[in-house]
């Protein structure tokens, strides 16, 4: 089992990780970094969460989102709660994505 770090060291590690992500220059670099950092299951879970964000913002009912995406209703509910009560990261990413033309042909590894 993983040994829990102190709050200060958790915050320091998270700060270093977010700084590393912010310094990447392209979607391809971020994808490669995430592929190295995360397990396939972790990547799938994050992609599933991100997949439902626009549907929730459009007001699509949970069951319909599930039918379209096969993401669990529990996960959809967690994302919805985070959209309402979270730190604002989803909203910031959506705003930024809507302002910029979507990048196509992001290579997969």
PDB file of N, CA and C in Angstrom:
ATOM      1  N   UNK A   1       0.844  -1.173   0.000  1.00  0.00           N
ATOM      2  CA  UNK A   1       0.000   0.000   0.000  1.00  0.00           C
ATOM      3  C   UNK A   1       0.892   1.241   0.000  1.00  0.00           C
ATOM      4  N   UNK A   2       0.440   2.280  -0.656  1.00  0.00           N
ATOM      5  CA  UNK A   2       1.210   3.515  -0.749  1.00  0.00           C
ATOM      6  C   UNK A   2       1.245   4.225   0.601  1.00  0.00           C
ATOM      7  N   UNK A   3       2.434   4.681   0.952  1.00  0.00           N
ATOM      8  CA  UNK A   3       2.587   5.478   2.167  1.00  0.00           C
ATOM      9  C   UNK A   3       2.081   6.879   1.875  1.00  0.00           C
ATOM     10  N   UNK A   4       1.202   7.375   2.715  1.00  0.00           N
ATOM     11  CA  UNK A   4       0.658   8.730   2.533  1.00  0.00           C
ATOM     12  C   UNK A   4       1.712   9.765   2.867  1.00  0.00           C
ATOM     13  N   UNK A   5       1.829  10.753   2.010  1.00  0.00           N
ATOM     14  CA  UNK A   5       2.761  11.845   2.240  1.00  0.00           C
ATOM     15  C   UNK A   5       2.094  12.914   3.097  1.00  0.00           C
ATOM     16  N   UNK A   6       2.900  13.772   3.640  1.00  0.00           N
ATOM     17  CA  UNK A   6       2.338  14.876   4.413  1.00  0.00           C
ATOM     18  C   UNK A   6       1.646  15.841   3.467  1.00  0.00           C
ATOM     19  N   UNK A   7       0.777  16.644   3.994  1.00  0.00           N
ATOM     20  CA  UNK A   7       0.066  17.637   3.191  1.00  0.00           C
ATOM     21  C   UNK A   7       1.041  18.552   2.460  1.00  0.00           C
ATOM     22  N   UNK A   8       2.089  18.994   3.134  1.00  0.00           N
ATOM     23  CA  UNK A   8       3.071  19.898   2.522  1.00  0.00           C
ATOM     24  C   UNK A   8       3.776  19.223   1.355  1.00  0.00           C
ATOM     25  N   UNK A   9       4.177  17.978   1.509  1.00  0.00           N
ATOM     26  CA  UNK A   9       4.876  17.308   0.413  1.00  0.00           C
ATOM     27  C   UNK A   9       3.918  16.956  -0.723  1.00  0.00           C
ATOM     28  N   UNK A  10       2.659  16.649  -0.406  1.00  0.00           N
ATOM     29  CA  UNK A  10       1.659  16.434  -1.457  1.00  0.00           C
ATOM     30  C   UNK A  10       1.498  17.706  -2.289  1.00  0.00           C
ATOM     31  N   UNK A  11       1.379  18.836  -1.618  1.00  0.00           N
ATOM     32  CA  UNK A  11       1.218  20.104  -2.328  1.00  0.00           C
ATOM     33  C   UNK A  11       2.437  20.435  -3.169  1.00  0.00           C
ATOM     34  N   UNK A  12       3.627  20.158  -2.648  1.00  0.00           N
ATOM     35  CA  UNK A  12       4.859  20.405  -3.384  1.00  0.00           C
ATOM     36  C   UNK A  12       4.932  19.526  -4.629  1.00  0.00           C
ATOM     37  N   UNK A  13       4.597  18.262  -4.485  1.00  0.00           N
ATOM     38  CA  UNK A  13       4.616  17.338  -5.623  1.00  0.00           C
ATOM     39  C   UNK A  13       3.590  17.760  -6.674  1.00  0.00           C
ATOM     40  N   UNK A  14       2.403  18.154  -6.230  1.00  0.00           N
ATOM     41  CA  UNK A  14       1.381  18.615  -7.166  1.00  0.00           C
ATOM     42  C   UNK A  14       1.818  19.898  -7.860  1.00  0.00           C
ATOM     43  N   UNK A  15       2.469  20.781  -7.131  1.00  0.00           N
ATOM     44  CA  UNK A  15       2.966  22.019  -7.734  1.00  0.00           C
ATOM     45  C   UNK A  15       4.002  21.716  -8.818  1.00  0.00           C
ATOM     46  N   UNK A  16       4.896  20.769  -8.564  1.00  0.00           N
ATOM     47  CA  UNK A  16       5.907  20.407  -9.563  1.00  0.00           C
ATOM     48  C   UNK A  16       5.261  19.761 -10.783  1.00  0.00           C
ATOM     49  N   UNK A  17       4.250  18.931 -10.556  1.00  0.00           N
ATOM     50  CA  UNK A  17       3.560  18.285 -11.666  1.00  0.00           C
ATOM     51  C   UNK A  17       2.823  19.306 -12.527  1.00  0.00           C
ATOM     52  N   UNK A  18       2.097  20.217 -11.898  1.00  0.00           N
ATOM     53  CA  UNK A  18       1.359  21.220 -12.675  1.00  0.00           C
ATOM     54  C   UNK A  18       2.313  22.136 -13.425  1.00  0.00           C
ATOM     55  N   UNK A  19       3.447  22.449 -12.839  1.00  0.00           N
ATOM     56  CA  UNK A  19       4.443  23.262 -13.535  1.00  0.00           C
ATOM     57  C   UNK A  19       4.985  22.514 -14.753  1.00  0.00           C
ATOM     58  N   UNK A  20       5.270  21.240 -14.587  1.00  0.00           N
ATOM     59  CA  UNK A  20       5.753  20.439 -15.723  1.00  0.00           C
ATOM     60  C   UNK A  20       4.721  20.428 -16.853  1.00  0.00           C
ATOM     61  N   UNK A  21       3.446  20.230 -16.517  1.00  0.00           N
ATOM     62  CA  UNK A  21       2.391  20.232 -17.539  1.00  0.00           C
ATOM     63  C   UNK A  21       2.284  21.595 -18.225  1.00  0.00           C
ATOM     64  N   UNK A  22       2.378  22.655 -17.452  1.00  0.00           N
ATOM     65  CA  UNK A  22       2.216  23.995 -18.028  1.00  0.00           C
ATOM     66  C   UNK A  22       3.356  24.358 -18.975  1.00  0.00           C
ATOM     67  N   UNK A  23       4.488  23.701 -18.839  1.00  0.00           N
ATOM     68  CA  UNK A  23       5.640  24.014 -19.681  1.00  0.00           C
ATOM     69  C   UNK A  23       5.669  23.221 -20.981  1.00  0.00           C
ATOM     70  N   UNK A  24       4.789  22.257 -21.122  1.00  0.00           N
ATOM     71  CA  UNK A  24       4.714  21.517 -22.381  1.00  0.00           C
ATOM     72  C   UNK A  24       4.115  22.431 -23.446  1.00  0.00           C
ATOM     73  N   UNK A  25       4.574  22.289 -24.686  1.00  0.00           N
ATOM     74  CA  UNK A  25       4.243  23.275 -25.717  1.00  0.00           C
ATOM     75  C   UNK A  25       3.198  22.843 -26.726  1.00  0.00           C
ATOM     76  N   UNK A  26       2.790  21.612 -26.708  1.00  0.00           N
ATOM     77  CA  UNK A  26       1.813  21.168 -27.709  1.00  0.00           C
ATOM     78  C   UNK A  26       0.956  20.049 -27.137  1.00  0.00           C
ATOM     79  N   UNK A  27      -0.165  19.825 -27.803  1.00  0.00           N
ATOM     80  CA  UNK A  27      -1.033  18.719 -27.393  1.00  0.00           C
ATOM     81  C   UNK A  27      -0.298  17.396 -27.509  1.00  0.00           C
ATOM     82  N   UNK A  28       0.560  17.260 -28.505  1.00  0.00           N
ATOM     83  CA  UNK A  28       1.321  16.019 -28.671  1.00  0.00           C
ATOM     84  C   UNK A  28       2.275  15.801 -27.497  1.00  0.00           C
ATOM     85  N   UNK A  29       2.909  16.869 -27.015  1.00  0.00           N
ATOM     86  CA  UNK A  29       3.795  16.744 -25.854  1.00  0.00           C
ATOM     87  C   UNK A  29       3.013  16.373 -24.602  1.00  0.00           C
ATOM     88  N   UNK A  30       1.853  16.982 -24.428  1.00  0.00           N
ATOM     89  CA  UNK A  30       1.017  16.660 -23.261  1.00  0.00           C
ATOM     90  C   UNK A  30       0.575  15.200 -23.336  1.00  0.00           C
ATOM     91  N   UNK A  31       0.176  14.770 -24.513  1.00  0.00           N
ATOM     92  CA  UNK A  31      -0.264  13.379 -24.688  1.00  0.00           C
ATOM     93  C   UNK A  31       0.860  12.413 -24.336  1.00  0.00           C
ATOM     94  N   UNK A  32       2.078  12.689 -24.819  1.00  0.00           N
ATOM     95  CA  UNK A  32       3.217  11.818 -24.535  1.00  0.00           C
ATOM     96  C   UNK A  32       3.519  11.795 -23.036  1.00  0.00           C
ATOM     97  N   UNK A  33       3.465  12.967 -22.400  1.00  0.00           N
ATOM     98  CA  UNK A  33       3.716  13.060 -20.967  1.00  0.00           C
ATOM     99  C   UNK A  33       2.687  12.242 -20.198  1.00  0.00           C
ATOM    100  N   UNK A  34       1.409  12.405 -20.550  1.00  0.00           N
ATOM    101  CA  UNK A  34       0.356  11.658 -19.863  1.00  0.00           C
ATOM    102  C   UNK A  34       0.491  10.156 -20.095  1.00  0.00           C
ATOM    103  N   UNK A  35       0.887   9.763 -21.305  1.00  0.00           N
ATOM    104  CA  UNK A  35       1.078   8.341 -21.597  1.00  0.00           C
ATOM    105  C   UNK A  35       2.191   7.754 -20.735  1.00  0.00           C
ATOM    106  N   UNK A  36       3.225   8.548 -20.488  1.00  0.00           N
ATOM    107  CA  UNK A  36       4.321   8.088 -19.630  1.00  0.00           C
ATOM    108  C   UNK A  36       3.928   8.097 -18.154  1.00  0.00           C
ATOM    109  N   UNK A  37       3.124   9.052 -17.752  1.00  0.00           N
ATOM    110  CA  UNK A  37       2.778   9.257 -16.351  1.00  0.00           C
ATOM    111  C   UNK A  37       1.679   8.317 -15.860  1.00  0.00           C
ATOM    112  N   UNK A  38       0.704   8.053 -16.713  1.00  0.00           N
ATOM    113  CA  UNK A  38      -0.521   7.366 -16.286  1.00  0.00           C
ATOM    114  C   UNK A  38      -0.615   5.956 -16.851  1.00  0.00           C
ATOM    115  N   UNK A  39      -1.375   5.131 -16.155  1.00  0.00           N
ATOM    116  CA  UNK A  39      -1.702   3.806 -16.688  1.00  0.00           C
ATOM    117  C   UNK A  39      -2.781   3.972 -17.757  1.00  0.00           C
ATOM    118  N   UNK A  40      -2.955   2.965 -18.623  1.00  0.00           N
ATOM    119  CA  UNK A  40      -4.045   3.046 -19.600  1.00  0.00           C
ATOM    120  C   UNK A  40      -5.411   3.250 -18.933  1.00  0.00           C
ATOM    121  N   UNK A  41      -5.636   2.617 -17.794  1.00  0.00           N
ATOM    122  CA  UNK A  41      -6.918   2.782 -17.092  1.00  0.00           C
ATOM    123  C   UNK A  41      -7.101   4.208 -16.591  1.00  0.00           C
ATOM    124  N   UNK A  42      -6.024   4.819 -16.085  1.00  0.00           N
ATOM    125  CA  UNK A  42      -6.108   6.206 -15.625  1.00  0.00           C
ATOM    126  C   UNK A  42      -6.390   7.149 -16.792  1.00  0.00           C
ATOM    127  N   UNK A  43      -5.740   6.913 -17.920  1.00  0.00           N
ATOM    128  CA  UNK A  43      -5.989   7.742 -19.103  1.00  0.00           C
ATOM    129  C   UNK A  43      -7.431   7.597 -19.583  1.00  0.00           C
ATOM    130  N   UNK A  44      -7.934   6.366 -19.579  1.00  0.00           N
ATOM    131  CA  UNK A  44      -9.316   6.139 -19.986  1.00  0.00           C
ATOM    132  C   UNK A  44     -10.289   6.848 -19.048  1.00  0.00           C
ATOM    133  N   UNK A  45     -10.025   6.790 -17.746  1.00  0.00           N
ATOM    134  CA  UNK A  45     -10.901   7.451 -16.776  1.00  0.00           C
ATOM    135  C   UNK A  45     -10.907   8.963 -16.991  1.00  0.00           C
ATOM    136  N   UNK A  46      -9.726   9.543 -17.214  1.00  0.00           N
ATOM    137  CA  UNK A  46      -9.663  10.990 -17.454  1.00  0.00           C
ATOM    138  C   UNK A  46     -10.353  11.367 -18.762  1.00  0.00           C
ATOM    139  N   UNK A  47     -10.127  10.574 -19.809  1.00  0.00           N
ATOM    140  CA  UNK A  47     -10.765  10.848 -21.091  1.00  0.00           C
ATOM    141  C   UNK A  47     -12.283  10.735 -20.979  1.00  0.00           C
ATOM    142  N   UNK A  48     -12.754   9.748 -20.220  1.00  0.00           N
ATOM    143  CA  UNK A  48     -14.198   9.604 -20.008  1.00  0.00           C
ATOM    144  C   UNK A  48     -14.775  10.838 -19.317  1.00  0.00           C
ATOM    145  N   UNK A  49     -14.086  11.311 -18.291  1.00  0.00           N
ATOM    146  CA  UNK A  49     -14.579  12.498 -17.582  1.00  0.00           C
ATOM    147  C   UNK A  49     -14.643  13.696 -18.527  1.00  0.00           C
ATOM    148  N   UNK A  50     -13.578  13.882 -19.286  1.00  0.00           N
ATOM    149  CA  UNK A  50     -13.534  15.027 -20.193  1.00  0.00           C
ATOM    150  C   UNK A  50     -14.590  14.904 -21.292  1.00  0.00           C
ATOM    151  N   UNK A  51     -14.870  13.678 -21.730  1.00  0.00           N
ATOM    152  CA  UNK A  51     -15.853  13.433 -22.782  1.00  0.00           C
ATOM    153  C   UNK A  51     -17.251  13.894 -22.376  1.00  0.00           C
ATOM    154  N   UNK A  52     -17.590  13.799 -21.100  1.00  0.00           N
ATOM    155  CA  UNK A  52     -18.945  14.144 -20.673  1.00  0.00           C
ATOM    156  C   UNK A  52     -19.111  15.626 -20.330  1.00  0.00           C
ATOM    157  N   UNK A  53     -18.012  16.352 -20.141  1.00  0.00           N
ATOM    158  CA  UNK A  53     -18.103  17.764 -19.757  1.00  0.00           C
ATOM    159  C   UNK A  53     -18.954  18.573 -20.732  1.00  0.00           C
ATOM    160  N   UNK A  54     -18.675  18.546 -22.054  1.00  0.00           N
ATOM    161  CA  UNK A  54     -19.490  19.378 -22.951  1.00  0.00           C
ATOM    162  C   UNK A  54     -20.962  18.976 -22.953  1.00  0.00           C
ATOM    163  N   UNK A  55     -21.229  17.694 -22.798  1.00  0.00           N
ATOM    164  CA  UNK A  55     -22.620  17.238 -22.775  1.00  0.00           C
ATOM    165  C   UNK A  55     -23.339  17.749 -21.536  1.00  0.00           C
ATOM    166  N   UNK A  56     -22.657  17.730 -20.396  1.00  0.00           N
ATOM    167  CA  UNK A  56     -23.253  18.278 -19.175  1.00  0.00           C
ATOM    168  C   UNK A  56     -23.496  19.775 -19.318  1.00  0.00           C
ATOM    169  N   UNK A  57     -22.541  20.484 -19.911  1.00  0.00           N
ATOM    170  CA  UNK A  57     -22.711  21.930 -20.093  1.00  0.00           C
ATOM    171  C   UNK A  57     -23.857  22.255 -21.041  1.00  0.00           C
ATOM    172  N   UNK A  58     -24.162  21.333 -21.948  1.00  0.00           N
ATOM    173  CA  UNK A  58     -25.301  21.512 -22.852  1.00  0.00           C
ATOM    174  C   UNK A  58     -26.623  21.123 -22.201  1.00  0.00           C
ATOM    175  N   UNK A  59     -26.563  20.566 -20.998  1.00  0.00           N
ATOM    176  CA  UNK A  59     -27.774  20.181 -20.282  1.00  0.00           C
ATOM    177  C   UNK A  59     -28.333  18.826 -20.674  1.00  0.00           C
ATOM    178  N   UNK A  60     -27.528  17.989 -21.309  1.00  0.00           N
ATOM    179  CA  UNK A  60     -27.984  16.653 -21.699  1.00  0.00           C
ATOM    180  C   UNK A  60     -28.202  15.824 -20.425  1.00  0.00           C
ATOM    181  N   UNK A  61     -29.319  15.118 -20.336  1.00  0.00           N
ATOM    182  CA  UNK A  61     -29.594  14.297 -19.149  1.00  0.00           C
ATOM    183  C   UNK A  61     -28.542  13.189 -18.966  1.00  0.00           C
ATOM    184  N   UNK A  62     -28.296  12.833 -17.718  1.00  0.00           N
ATOM    185  CA  UNK A  62     -27.281  11.829 -17.398  1.00  0.00           C
ATOM    186  C   UNK A  62     -27.484  10.533 -18.178  1.00  0.00           C
ATOM    187  N   UNK A  63     -28.691  10.033 -18.205  1.00  0.00           N
ATOM    188  CA  UNK A  63     -28.956   8.751 -18.862  1.00  0.00           C
ATOM    189  C   UNK A  63     -28.630   8.841 -20.353  1.00  0.00           C
ATOM    190  N   UNK A  64     -28.956   9.954 -20.973  1.00  0.00           N
ATOM    191  CA  UNK A  64     -28.647  10.139 -22.396  1.00  0.00           C
ATOM    192  C   UNK A  64     -27.128  10.227 -22.612  1.00  0.00           C
ATOM    193  N   UNK A  65     -26.437  10.900 -21.702  1.00  0.00           N
ATOM    194  CA  UNK A  65     -24.974  10.956 -21.792  1.00  0.00           C
ATOM    195  C   UNK A  65     -24.400   9.544 -21.692  1.00  0.00           C
ATOM    196  N   UNK A  66     -24.909   8.773 -20.753  1.00  0.00           N
ATOM    197  CA  UNK A  66     -24.458   7.383 -20.607  1.00  0.00           C
ATOM    198  C   UNK A  66     -24.694   6.599 -21.896  1.00  0.00           C
ATOM    199  N   UNK A  67     -25.897   6.744 -22.466  1.00  0.00           N
ATOM    200  CA  UNK A  67     -26.218   6.014 -23.692  1.00  0.00           C
ATOM    201  C   UNK A  67     -25.297   6.404 -24.845  1.00  0.00           C
ATOM    202  N   UNK A  68     -24.923   7.681 -24.922  1.00  0.00           N
ATOM    203  CA  UNK A  68     -24.047   8.158 -25.997  1.00  0.00           C
ATOM    204  C   UNK A  68     -22.589   7.771 -25.788  1.00  0.00           C
ATOM    205  N   UNK A  69     -22.140   7.749 -24.534  1.00  0.00           N
ATOM    206  CA  UNK A  69     -20.707   7.627 -24.252  1.00  0.00           C
ATOM    207  C   UNK A  69     -20.302   6.326 -23.565  1.00  0.00           C
ATOM    208  N   UNK A  70     -21.256   5.626 -22.981  1.00  0.00           N
ATOM    209  CA  UNK A  70     -21.008   4.434 -22.168  1.00  0.00           C
ATOM    210  C   UNK A  70     -20.248   4.746 -20.875  1.00  0.00           C
ATOM    211  N   UNK A  71     -20.151   6.022 -20.514  1.00  0.00           N
ATOM    212  CA  UNK A  71     -19.570   6.418 -19.237  1.00  0.00           C
ATOM    213  C   UNK A  71     -20.623   6.174 -18.162  1.00  0.00           C
ATOM    214  N   UNK A  72     -20.204   5.671 -17.006  1.00  0.00           N
ATOM    215  CA  UNK A  72     -21.167   5.337 -15.957  1.00  0.00           C
ATOM    216  C   UNK A  72     -21.894   6.583 -15.455  1.00  0.00           C
ATOM    217  N   UNK A  73     -23.128   6.380 -15.038  1.00  0.00           N
ATOM    218  CA  UNK A  73     -23.924   7.474 -14.488  1.00  0.00           C
ATOM    219  C   UNK A  73     -23.255   8.016 -13.221  1.00  0.00           C
ATOM    220  N   UNK A  74     -22.593   7.155 -12.461  1.00  0.00           N
ATOM    221  CA  UNK A  74     -21.875   7.602 -11.267  1.00  0.00           C
ATOM    222  C   UNK A  74     -20.763   8.576 -11.642  1.00  0.00           C
ATOM    223  N   UNK A  75     -19.975   8.238 -12.652  1.00  0.00           N
ATOM    224  CA  UNK A  75     -18.905   9.132 -13.110  1.00  0.00           C
ATOM    225  C   UNK A  75     -19.487  10.432 -13.637  1.00  0.00           C
ATOM    226  N   UNK A  76     -20.563  10.339 -14.391  1.00  0.00           N
ATOM    227  CA  UNK A  76     -21.213  11.542 -14.926  1.00  0.00           C
ATOM    228  C   UNK A  76     -21.651  12.453 -13.774  1.00  0.00           C
ATOM    229  N   UNK A  77     -22.216  11.865 -12.740  1.00  0.00           N
ATOM    230  CA  UNK A  77     -22.631  12.641 -11.571  1.00  0.00           C
ATOM    231  C   UNK A  77     -21.458  13.299 -10.869  1.00  0.00           C
ATOM    232  N   UNK A  78     -20.346  12.582 -10.772  1.00  0.00           N
ATOM    233  CA  UNK A  78     -19.150  13.166 -10.137  1.00  0.00           C
ATOM    234  C   UNK A  78     -18.621  14.351 -10.945  1.00  0.00           C
ATOM    235  N   UNK A  79     -18.617  14.198 -12.264  1.00  0.00           N
ATOM    236  CA  UNK A  79     -18.151  15.299 -13.115  1.00  0.00           C
ATOM    237  C   UNK A  79     -19.092  16.495 -12.978  1.00  0.00           C
ATOM    238  N   UNK A  80     -20.391  16.234 -12.962  1.00  0.00           N
ATOM    239  CA  UNK A  80     -21.370  17.318 -12.807  1.00  0.00           C
ATOM    240  C   UNK A  80     -21.164  18.051 -11.489  1.00  0.00           C
ATOM    241  N   UNK A  81     -20.927  17.312 -10.425  1.00  0.00           N
ATOM    242  CA  UNK A  81     -20.690  17.921  -9.116  1.00  0.00           C
ATOM    243  C   UNK A  81     -19.408  18.754  -9.141  1.00  0.00           C
ATOM    244  N   UNK A  82     -18.389  18.256  -9.802  1.00  0.00           N
ATOM    245  CA  UNK A  82     -17.135  18.999  -9.908  1.00  0.00           C
ATOM    246  C   UNK A  82     -17.324  20.261 -10.739  1.00  0.00           C
ATOM    247  N   UNK A  83     -18.120  20.184 -11.792  1.00  0.00           N
ATOM    248  CA  UNK A  83     -18.408  21.381 -12.584  1.00  0.00           C
ATOM    249  C   UNK A  83     -19.046  22.460 -11.721  1.00  0.00           C
ATOM    250  N   UNK A  84     -19.918  22.051 -10.812  1.00  0.00           N
ATOM    251  CA  UNK A  84     -20.626  23.001  -9.958  1.00  0.00           C
ATOM    252  C   UNK A  84     -19.805  23.451  -8.760  1.00  0.00           C
ATOM    253  N   UNK A  85     -19.037  22.546  -8.163  1.00  0.00           N
ATOM    254  CA  UNK A  85     -18.398  22.833  -6.876  1.00  0.00           C
ATOM    255  C   UNK A  85     -16.876  22.713  -6.895  1.00  0.00           C
ATOM    256  N   UNK A  86     -16.302  22.434  -8.050  1.00  0.00           N
ATOM    257  CA  UNK A  86     -14.860  22.188  -8.124  1.00  0.00           C
ATOM    258  C   UNK A  86     -14.043  23.469  -8.163  1.00  0.00           C
ATOM    259  N   UNK A  87     -12.801  23.320  -8.551  1.00  0.00           N
ATOM    260  CA  UNK A  87     -11.836  24.419  -8.545  1.00  0.00           C
ATOM    261  C   UNK A  87     -11.908  25.293  -9.794  1.00  0.00           C
ATOM    262  N   UNK A  88     -12.747  24.929 -10.751  1.00  0.00           N
ATOM    263  CA  UNK A  88     -12.901  25.728 -11.958  1.00  0.00           C
ATOM    264  C   UNK A  88     -12.024  25.295 -13.125  1.00  0.00           C
ATOM    265  N   UNK A  89     -11.326  24.193 -12.968  1.00  0.00           N
ATOM    266  CA  UNK A  89     -10.437  23.721 -14.026  1.00  0.00           C
ATOM    267  C   UNK A  89     -11.158  23.294 -15.286  1.00  0.00           C
ATOM    268  N   UNK A  90     -12.267  22.581 -15.138  1.00  0.00           N
ATOM    269  CA  UNK A  90     -13.034  22.185 -16.326  1.00  0.00           C
ATOM    270  C   UNK A  90     -13.487  23.426 -17.082  1.00  0.00           C
ATOM    271  N   UNK A  91     -14.047  24.389 -16.371  1.00  0.00           N
ATOM    272  CA  UNK A  91     -14.568  25.600 -17.016  1.00  0.00           C
ATOM    273  C   UNK A  91     -13.459  26.361 -17.733  1.00  0.00           C
ATOM    274  N   UNK A  92     -12.298  26.466 -17.100  1.00  0.00           N
ATOM    275  CA  UNK A  92     -11.176  27.170 -17.724  1.00  0.00           C
ATOM    276  C   UNK A  92     -10.738  26.461 -18.999  1.00  0.00           C
ATOM    277  N   UNK A  93     -10.658  25.146 -18.953  1.00  0.00           N
ATOM    278  CA  UNK A  93     -10.239  24.384 -20.133  1.00  0.00           C
ATOM    279  C   UNK A  93     -11.265  24.494 -21.252  1.00  0.00           C
ATOM    280  N   UNK A  94     -12.547  24.447 -20.910  1.00  0.00           N
ATOM    281  CA  UNK A  94     -13.595  24.573 -21.925  1.00  0.00           C
ATOM    282  C   UNK A  94     -13.547  25.954 -22.570  1.00  0.00           C
ATOM    283  N   UNK A  95     -13.412  27.000 -21.755  1.00  0.00           N
ATOM    284  CA  UNK A  95     -13.312  28.364 -22.314  1.00  0.00           C
ATOM    285  C   UNK A  95     -12.133  28.484 -23.259  1.00  0.00           C
ATOM    286  N   UNK A  96     -11.004  27.986 -22.845  1.00  0.00           N
ATOM    287  CA  UNK A  96      -9.794  28.063 -23.671  1.00  0.00           C
ATOM    288  C   UNK A  96      -9.982  27.270 -24.956  1.00  0.00           C
ATOM    289  N   UNK A  97     -10.573  26.099 -24.851  1.00  0.00           N
ATOM    290  CA  UNK A  97     -10.778  25.248 -26.023  1.00  0.00           C
ATOM    291  C   UNK A  97     -11.732  25.904 -27.015  1.00  0.00           C
ATOM    292  N   UNK A  98     -12.761  26.565 -26.503  1.00  0.00           N
ATOM    293  CA  UNK A  98     -13.733  27.219 -27.389  1.00  0.00           C
ATOM    294  C   UNK A  98     -13.132  28.432 -28.093  1.00  0.00           C
ATOM    295  N   UNK A  99     -12.169  29.105 -27.454  1.00  0.00           N
ATOM    296  CA  UNK A  99     -11.528  30.285 -28.044  1.00  0.00           C
ATOM    297  C   UNK A  99     -10.542  29.912 -29.143  1.00  0.00           C
ATOM    298  N   UNK A 100      -9.956  28.746 -29.046  1.00  0.00           N
ATOM    299  CA  UNK A 100      -8.926  28.337 -29.992  1.00  0.00           C
ATOM    300  C   UNK A 100      -9.481  27.275 -30.924  1.00  0.00           C
ATOM    301  N   UNK A 101      -9.017  27.303 -32.144  1.00  0.00           N
ATOM    302  CA  UNK A 101      -9.421  26.266 -33.098  1.00  0.00           C
ATOM    303  C   UNK A 101      -8.906  24.926 -32.599  1.00  0.00           C
ATOM    304  N   UNK A 102      -9.712  23.881 -32.701  1.00  0.00           N
ATOM    305  CA  UNK A 102      -9.258  22.579 -32.222  1.00  0.00           C
ATOM    306  C   UNK A 102      -8.078  22.072 -33.045  1.00  0.00           C
ATOM    307  N   UNK A 103      -7.120  21.454 -32.344  1.00  0.00           N
ATOM    308  CA  UNK A 103      -5.984  20.862 -33.028  1.00  0.00           C
ATOM    309  C   UNK A 103      -6.393  19.497 -33.529  1.00  0.00           C
ATOM    310  N   UNK A 104      -6.038  19.231 -34.762  1.00  0.00           N
ATOM    311  CA  UNK A 104      -6.373  17.934 -35.351  1.00  0.00           C
ATOM    312  C   UNK A 104      -5.101  17.139 -35.557  1.00  0.00           C
ATOM    313  N   UNK A 105      -5.300  15.873 -35.801  1.00  0.00           N
ATOM    314  CA  UNK A 105      -4.176  14.975 -36.082  1.00  0.00           C
ATOM    315  C   UNK A 105      -3.161  14.935 -34.957  1.00  0.00           C
ATOM    316  N   UNK A 106      -3.633  14.845 -33.735  1.00  0.00           N
ATOM    317  CA  UNK A 106      -2.718  14.668 -32.602  1.00  0.00           C
ATOM    318  C   UNK A 106      -2.251  13.220 -32.652  1.00  0.00           C
ATOM    319  N   UNK A 107      -0.958  13.013 -32.793  1.00  0.00           N
ATOM    320  CA  UNK A 107      -0.482  11.627 -32.941  1.00  0.00           C
ATOM    321  C   UNK A 107      -0.736  10.809 -31.693  1.00  0.00           C
ATOM    322  N   UNK A 108      -1.074   9.565 -31.899  1.00  0.00           N
ATOM    323  CA  UNK A 108      -1.243   8.652 -30.767  1.00  0.00           C
ATOM    324  C   UNK A 108      -0.009   7.777 -30.674  1.00  0.00           C
ATOM    325  N   UNK A 109       0.270   7.356 -29.455  1.00  0.00           N
ATOM    326  CA  UNK A 109       1.455   6.516 -29.242  1.00  0.00           C
ATOM    327  C   UNK A 109       1.054   5.161 -28.766  1.00  0.00           C
TER     328      UNK A 109
END
